[in-house]
Amino acid sequence: MNQKTALTQFLDEVWNSGDFRNLERLTTNPYQVLSDPGDPWNGLSLDYQTLRKRVAYTRNAFPDVYFDVQEMIDEQETIAIRWVMSGTHTGNLPGLPASGKPFAIEGMTFYYFTNGKISGHRQSFNQLGFLAQIGRLDVLSGNPIPAHSTTSPASPPPVPAAPEPPASFPPHT
């Protein structure tokens, strides 16, 4: 099986369908999450059981998650993909209770291969767009409001008036 076929099968079966039957045939043990900001497994090496937990964690929060690959570039032992991830936020995540809202965000992932198997990835995606679409930009302020709350956060302190320029400051002409 070539790398493109392996990656397509991994995305379709494991991520889009939650079917782990071919996980061990498609990935190495360990699998490296080299860079995936916001992912609880960021920077870790995962055995098969932990990789299943990682996928299940995401699919629990977004049971209808779907990765639609928009572009794929295959270079030796690396495949880069640009994708759109869509789904509905119906499960809780730490600090993000289920909102019930649909989302669609773009991202890019570099998948690395060893002996024809997927051995790890580096990923970046539109986290701000995701938070905006599920109505939770408030988590960026450090003062999150629970999704079910109707109260507003405390008002920010007033912005002080700009000081007068010194007398020696040249006027604009």
C-alpha atoms as a PDB file:
ATOM      1  CA  MET A   1       0.000   0.000   0.000  1.00  0.00           C
ATOM      2  CA  ASN A   2       1.406   3.416  -0.886  1.00  0.00           C
ATOM      3  CA  GLN A   3       1.527   6.343   1.573  1.00  0.00           C
ATOM      4  CA  LYS A   4      -1.361   8.290   0.014  1.00  0.00           C
ATOM      5  CA  THR A   5      -3.609   5.242   0.189  1.00  0.00           C
ATOM      6  CA  ALA A   6      -2.567   4.571   3.803  1.00  0.00           C
ATOM      7  CA  LEU A   7      -3.252   8.165   4.847  1.00  0.00           C
ATOM      8  CA  THR A   8      -6.587   8.321   3.034  1.00  0.00           C
ATOM      9  CA  GLN A   9      -7.644   5.073   4.710  1.00  0.00           C
ATOM     10  CA  PHE A  10      -6.462   6.358   8.116  1.00  0.00           C
ATOM     11  CA  LEU A  11      -8.500   9.564   7.763  1.00  0.00           C
ATOM     12  CA  ASP A  12     -11.604   7.864   6.360  1.00  0.00           C
ATOM     13  CA  GLU A  13     -11.699   4.852   8.653  1.00  0.00           C
ATOM     14  CA  VAL A  14     -10.122   6.003  11.908  1.00  0.00           C
ATOM     15  CA  TRP A  15     -10.980   9.714  12.096  1.00  0.00           C
ATOM     16  CA  ASN A  16     -14.146  10.030  10.006  1.00  0.00           C
ATOM     17  CA  SER A  17     -15.734   6.713  11.004  1.00  0.00           C
ATOM     18  CA  GLY A  18     -14.155   5.785  14.350  1.00  0.00           C
ATOM     19  CA  ASP A  19     -13.204   2.358  12.972  1.00  0.00           C
ATOM     20  CA  PHE A  20      -9.934   1.180  14.571  1.00  0.00           C
ATOM     21  CA  ARG A  21      -9.681  -2.256  12.929  1.00  0.00           C
ATOM     22  CA  ASN A  22      -6.778  -1.226  10.664  1.00  0.00           C
ATOM     23  CA  LEU A  23      -5.071   1.204  13.053  1.00  0.00           C
ATOM     24  CA  GLU A  24      -2.111  -1.112  13.741  1.00  0.00           C
ATOM     25  CA  ARG A  25      -1.647  -1.818  10.022  1.00  0.00           C
ATOM     26  CA  LEU A  26      -1.672   1.933   9.187  1.00  0.00           C
ATOM     27  CA  THR A  27       0.370   3.436  12.056  1.00  0.00           C
ATOM     28  CA  THR A  28       3.583   2.771  13.963  1.00  0.00           C
ATOM     29  CA  ASN A  29       3.936   2.050  17.651  1.00  0.00           C
ATOM     30  CA  PRO A  30       4.764   4.551  19.003  1.00  0.00           C
ATOM     31  CA  TYR A  31       2.960   7.297  17.086  1.00  0.00           C
ATOM     32  CA  GLN A  32       4.487  10.759  17.667  1.00  0.00           C
ATOM     33  CA  VAL A  33       2.336  13.856  18.195  1.00  0.00           C
ATOM     34  CA  LEU A  34       5.230  16.161  17.330  1.00  0.00           C
ATOM     35  CA  SER A  35       3.296  19.432  17.377  1.00  0.00           C
ATOM     36  CA  ASP A  36      -0.442  19.888  17.783  1.00  0.00           C
ATOM     37  CA  PRO A  37      -1.097  22.964  19.975  1.00  0.00           C
ATOM     38  CA  GLY A  38      -4.138  22.535  22.192  1.00  0.00           C
ATOM     39  CA  ASP A  39      -4.065  18.743  21.902  1.00  0.00           C
ATOM     40  CA  PRO A  40      -3.705  17.078  25.334  1.00  0.00           C
ATOM     41  CA  TRP A  41      -1.264  14.630  23.716  1.00  0.00           C
ATOM     42  CA  ASN A  42       0.911  17.364  22.152  1.00  0.00           C
ATOM     43  CA  GLY A  43       4.575  16.326  22.249  1.00  0.00           C
ATOM     44  CA  LEU A  44       3.883  12.754  23.359  1.00  0.00           C
ATOM     45  CA  SER A  45       4.607   9.304  21.951  1.00  0.00           C
ATOM     46  CA  LEU A  46       1.438   7.212  21.841  1.00  0.00           C
ATOM     47  CA  ASP A  47       1.041   3.450  21.873  1.00  0.00           C
ATOM     48  CA  TYR A  48      -1.915   1.984  19.965  1.00  0.00           C
ATOM     49  CA  GLN A  49      -4.237   2.075  22.983  1.00  0.00           C
ATOM     50  CA  THR A  50      -3.449   5.746  23.671  1.00  0.00           C
ATOM     51  CA  LEU A  51      -3.836   6.663  19.994  1.00  0.00           C
ATOM     52  CA  ARG A  52      -7.314   5.076  20.095  1.00  0.00           C
ATOM     53  CA  LYS A  53      -8.102   7.165  23.211  1.00  0.00           C
ATOM     54  CA  ARG A  54      -6.926  10.329  21.435  1.00  0.00           C
ATOM     55  CA  VAL A  55      -9.227   9.712  18.463  1.00  0.00           C
ATOM     56  CA  ALA A  56     -12.116   8.698  20.751  1.00  0.00           C
ATOM     57  CA  TYR A  57     -11.610  11.909  22.780  1.00  0.00           C
ATOM     58  CA  THR A  58     -12.135  13.998  19.643  1.00  0.00           C
ATOM     59  CA  ARG A  59     -15.013  11.867  18.340  1.00  0.00           C
ATOM     60  CA  ASN A  60     -16.740  12.086  21.744  1.00  0.00           C
ATOM     61  CA  ALA A  61     -16.749  15.889  21.516  1.00  0.00           C
ATOM     62  CA  PHE A  62     -17.656  15.845  17.795  1.00  0.00           C
ATOM     63  CA  PRO A  63     -19.386  12.528  16.963  1.00  0.00           C
ATOM     64  CA  ASP A  64     -20.012  13.612  13.372  1.00  0.00           C
ATOM     65  CA  VAL A  65     -16.448  14.880  12.804  1.00  0.00           C
ATOM     66  CA  TYR A  66     -15.365  14.766   9.185  1.00  0.00           C
ATOM     67  CA  PHE A  67     -12.004  15.620   7.642  1.00  0.00           C
ATOM     68  CA  ASP A  68     -12.356  16.646   4.009  1.00  0.00           C
ATOM     69  CA  VAL A  69      -8.916  16.710   2.378  1.00  0.00           C
ATOM     70  CA  GLN A  70      -8.629  19.692   0.039  1.00  0.00           C
ATOM     71  CA  GLU A  71      -5.025  19.219  -1.019  1.00  0.00           C
ATOM     72  CA  MET A  72      -2.359  16.540  -0.583  1.00  0.00           C
ATOM     73  CA  ILE A  73       1.357  16.736  -1.334  1.00  0.00           C
ATOM     74  CA  ASP A  74       3.502  13.606  -1.073  1.00  0.00           C
ATOM     75  CA  GLU A  75       7.254  14.109  -0.595  1.00  0.00           C
ATOM     76  CA  GLN A  76       9.318  11.026   0.226  1.00  0.00           C
ATOM     77  CA  GLU A  77       8.488  10.093   3.859  1.00  0.00           C
ATOM     78  CA  THR A  78       6.098  13.041   4.418  1.00  0.00           C
ATOM     79  CA  ILE A  79       2.605  13.898   3.235  1.00  0.00           C
ATOM     80  CA  ALA A  80       1.226  17.394   3.775  1.00  0.00           C
ATOM     81  CA  ILE A  81      -2.523  17.870   3.676  1.00  0.00           C
ATOM     82  CA  ARG A  82      -4.790  20.890   3.820  1.00  0.00           C
ATOM     83  CA  TRP A  83      -8.191  19.963   5.173  1.00  0.00           C
ATOM     84  CA  VAL A  84     -11.549  21.205   6.355  1.00  0.00           C
ATOM     85  CA  MET A  85     -12.764  19.637   9.593  1.00  0.00           C
ATOM     86  CA  SER A  86     -16.483  19.878  10.185  1.00  0.00           C
ATOM     87  CA  GLY A  87     -18.799  18.568  12.846  1.00  0.00           C
ATOM     88  CA  THR A  88     -21.062  19.476  15.723  1.00  0.00           C
ATOM     89  CA  HIS A  89     -19.769  20.248  19.220  1.00  0.00           C
ATOM     90  CA  THR A  90     -22.043  17.933  21.217  1.00  0.00           C
ATOM     91  CA  GLY A  91     -19.554  16.588  23.771  1.00  0.00           C
ATOM     92  CA  ASN A  92     -17.648  18.313  26.553  1.00  0.00           C
ATOM     93  CA  LEU A  93     -13.990  19.294  26.330  1.00  0.00           C
ATOM     94  CA  PRO A  94     -11.976  20.730  29.246  1.00  0.00           C
ATOM     95  CA  GLY A  95     -13.200  24.318  29.659  1.00  0.00           C
ATOM     96  CA  LEU A  96     -15.580  23.951  26.696  1.00  0.00           C
ATOM     97  CA  PRO A  97     -18.905  22.390  27.609  1.00  0.00           C
ATOM     98  CA  ALA A  98     -20.893  21.078  24.654  1.00  0.00           C
ATOM     99  CA  SER A  99     -22.421  23.950  22.695  1.00  0.00           C
ATOM    100  CA  GLY A 100     -24.481  21.936  20.222  1.00  0.00           C
ATOM    101  CA  LYS A 101     -23.163  24.210  17.468  1.00  0.00           C
ATOM    102  CA  PRO A 102     -21.838  23.116  14.084  1.00  0.00           C
ATOM    103  CA  PHE A 103     -18.423  24.257  12.865  1.00  0.00           C
ATOM    104  CA  ALA A 104     -16.144  23.989   9.851  1.00  0.00           C
ATOM    105  CA  ILE A 105     -12.493  25.002  10.157  1.00  0.00           C
ATOM    106  CA  GLU A 106      -9.399  24.752   8.004  1.00  0.00           C
ATOM    107  CA  GLY A 107      -6.124  23.212   9.034  1.00  0.00           C
ATOM    108  CA  MET A 108      -2.920  21.666   7.761  1.00  0.00           C
ATOM    109  CA  THR A 109      -1.113  18.553   8.867  1.00  0.00           C
ATOM    110  CA  PHE A 110       2.257  17.092   7.974  1.00  0.00           C
ATOM    111  CA  TYR A 111       2.133  13.320   8.382  1.00  0.00           C
ATOM    112  CA  TYR A 112       5.412  11.420   8.676  1.00  0.00           C
ATOM    113  CA  PHE A 113       5.948   7.829   7.544  1.00  0.00           C
ATOM    114  CA  THR A 114       8.321   5.064   8.612  1.00  0.00           C
ATOM    115  CA  ASN A 115       8.419   1.866   6.551  1.00  0.00           C
ATOM    116  CA  GLY A 116       5.131   2.801   4.859  1.00  0.00           C
ATOM    117  CA  LYS A 117       3.243   3.425   8.125  1.00  0.00           C
ATOM    118  CA  ILE A 118       2.130   6.751   9.590  1.00  0.00           C
ATOM    119  CA  SER A 119       4.551   7.480  12.434  1.00  0.00           C
ATOM    120  CA  GLY A 120       3.469  10.949  13.585  1.00  0.00           C
ATOM    121  CA  HIS A 121       2.305  14.421  12.683  1.00  0.00           C
ATOM    122  CA  ARG A 122       2.647  18.187  13.073  1.00  0.00           C
ATOM    123  CA  GLN A 123      -0.607  20.123  12.839  1.00  0.00           C
ATOM    124  CA  SER A 124      -1.992  23.626  12.845  1.00  0.00           C
ATOM    125  CA  PHE A 125      -5.624  24.672  12.568  1.00  0.00           C
ATOM    126  CA  ASN A 126      -7.880  27.687  12.965  1.00  0.00           C
ATOM    127  CA  GLN A 127      -8.490  27.529  16.721  1.00  0.00           C
ATOM    128  CA  LEU A 128      -9.869  31.082  16.823  1.00  0.00           C
ATOM    129  CA  GLY A 129     -12.373  30.259  14.080  1.00  0.00           C
ATOM    130  CA  PHE A 130     -13.457  27.155  15.980  1.00  0.00           C
ATOM    131  CA  LEU A 131     -14.036  29.103  19.214  1.00  0.00           C
ATOM    132  CA  ALA A 132     -15.951  31.803  17.332  1.00  0.00           C
ATOM    133  CA  GLN A 133     -18.200  29.269  15.603  1.00  0.00           C
ATOM    134  CA  ILE A 134     -19.126  27.512  18.852  1.00  0.00           C
ATOM    135  CA  GLY A 135     -19.692  30.871  20.582  1.00  0.00           C
ATOM    136  CA  ARG A 136     -16.807  30.628  23.042  1.00  0.00           C
ATOM    137  CA  LEU A 137     -14.389  33.456  22.282  1.00  0.00           C
ATOM    138  CA  ASP A 138     -14.749  34.323  25.977  1.00  0.00           C
ATOM    139  CA  VAL A 139     -12.234  31.587  26.874  1.00  0.00           C
ATOM    140  CA  LEU A 140      -9.501  33.766  25.373  1.00  0.00           C
ATOM    141  CA  SER A 141     -10.042  36.446  28.042  1.00  0.00           C
ATOM    142  CA  GLY A 142      -9.041  34.134  30.860  1.00  0.00           C
ATOM    143  CA  ASN A 143     -12.486  34.691  32.389  1.00  0.00           C
ATOM    144  CA  PRO A 144     -14.631  32.066  30.646  1.00  0.00           C
ATOM    145  CA  ILE A 145     -18.379  32.197  30.945  1.00  0.00           C
ATOM    146  CA  PRO A 146     -20.049  28.791  31.073  1.00  0.00           C
ATOM    147  CA  ALA A 147     -21.963  28.135  27.843  1.00  0.00           C
ATOM    148  CA  HIS A 148     -25.256  27.923  29.785  1.00  0.00           C
ATOM    149  CA  SER A 149     -24.673  31.208  31.671  1.00  0.00           C
ATOM    150  CA  THR A 150     -26.647  34.348  30.906  1.00  0.00           C
ATOM    151  CA  THR A 151     -24.409  36.639  32.935  1.00  0.00           C
ATOM    152  CA  SER A 152     -21.705  38.845  31.499  1.00  0.00           C
ATOM    153  CA  PRO A 153     -18.114  38.854  32.704  1.00  0.00           C
ATOM    154  CA  ALA A 154     -17.021  41.680  34.956  1.00  0.00           C
ATOM    155  CA  SER A 155     -16.534  44.907  33.057  1.00  0.00           C
ATOM    156  CA  PRO A 156     -12.925  45.632  32.189  1.00  0.00           C
ATOM    157  CA  PRO A 157     -11.286  48.516  34.027  1.00  0.00           C
ATOM    158  CA  PRO A 158     -11.680  51.894  32.327  1.00  0.00           C
ATOM    159  CA  VAL A 159      -8.923  52.919  29.954  1.00  0.00           C
ATOM    160  CA  PRO A 160      -7.052  55.922  31.382  1.00  0.00           C
ATOM    161  CA  ALA A 161      -7.020  59.113  29.328  1.00  0.00           C
ATOM    162  CA  ALA A 162      -3.915  59.709  27.253  1.00  0.00           C
ATOM    163  CA  PRO A 163      -1.476  62.033  29.011  1.00  0.00           C
ATOM    164  CA  GLU A 164      -0.900  65.532  27.630  1.00  0.00           C
ATOM    165  CA  PRO A 165       2.250  65.755  25.518  1.00  0.00           C
ATOM    166  CA  PRO A 166       5.170  67.618  27.102  1.00  0.00           C
ATOM    167  CA  ALA A 167       5.442  71.366  26.387  1.00  0.00           C
ATOM    168  CA  SER A 168       8.485  70.727  24.195  1.00  0.00           C
ATOM    169  CA  PHE A 169       6.494  68.362  21.944  1.00  0.00           C
ATOM    170  CA  PRO A 170       6.425  69.880  18.443  1.00  0.00           C
ATOM    171  CA  PRO A 171       2.935  70.579  17.098  1.00  0.00           C
ATOM    172  CA  HIS A 172       1.861  68.876  13.845  1.00  0.00           C
ATOM    173  CA  THR A 173       1.955  71.222  10.840  1.00  0.00           C
END
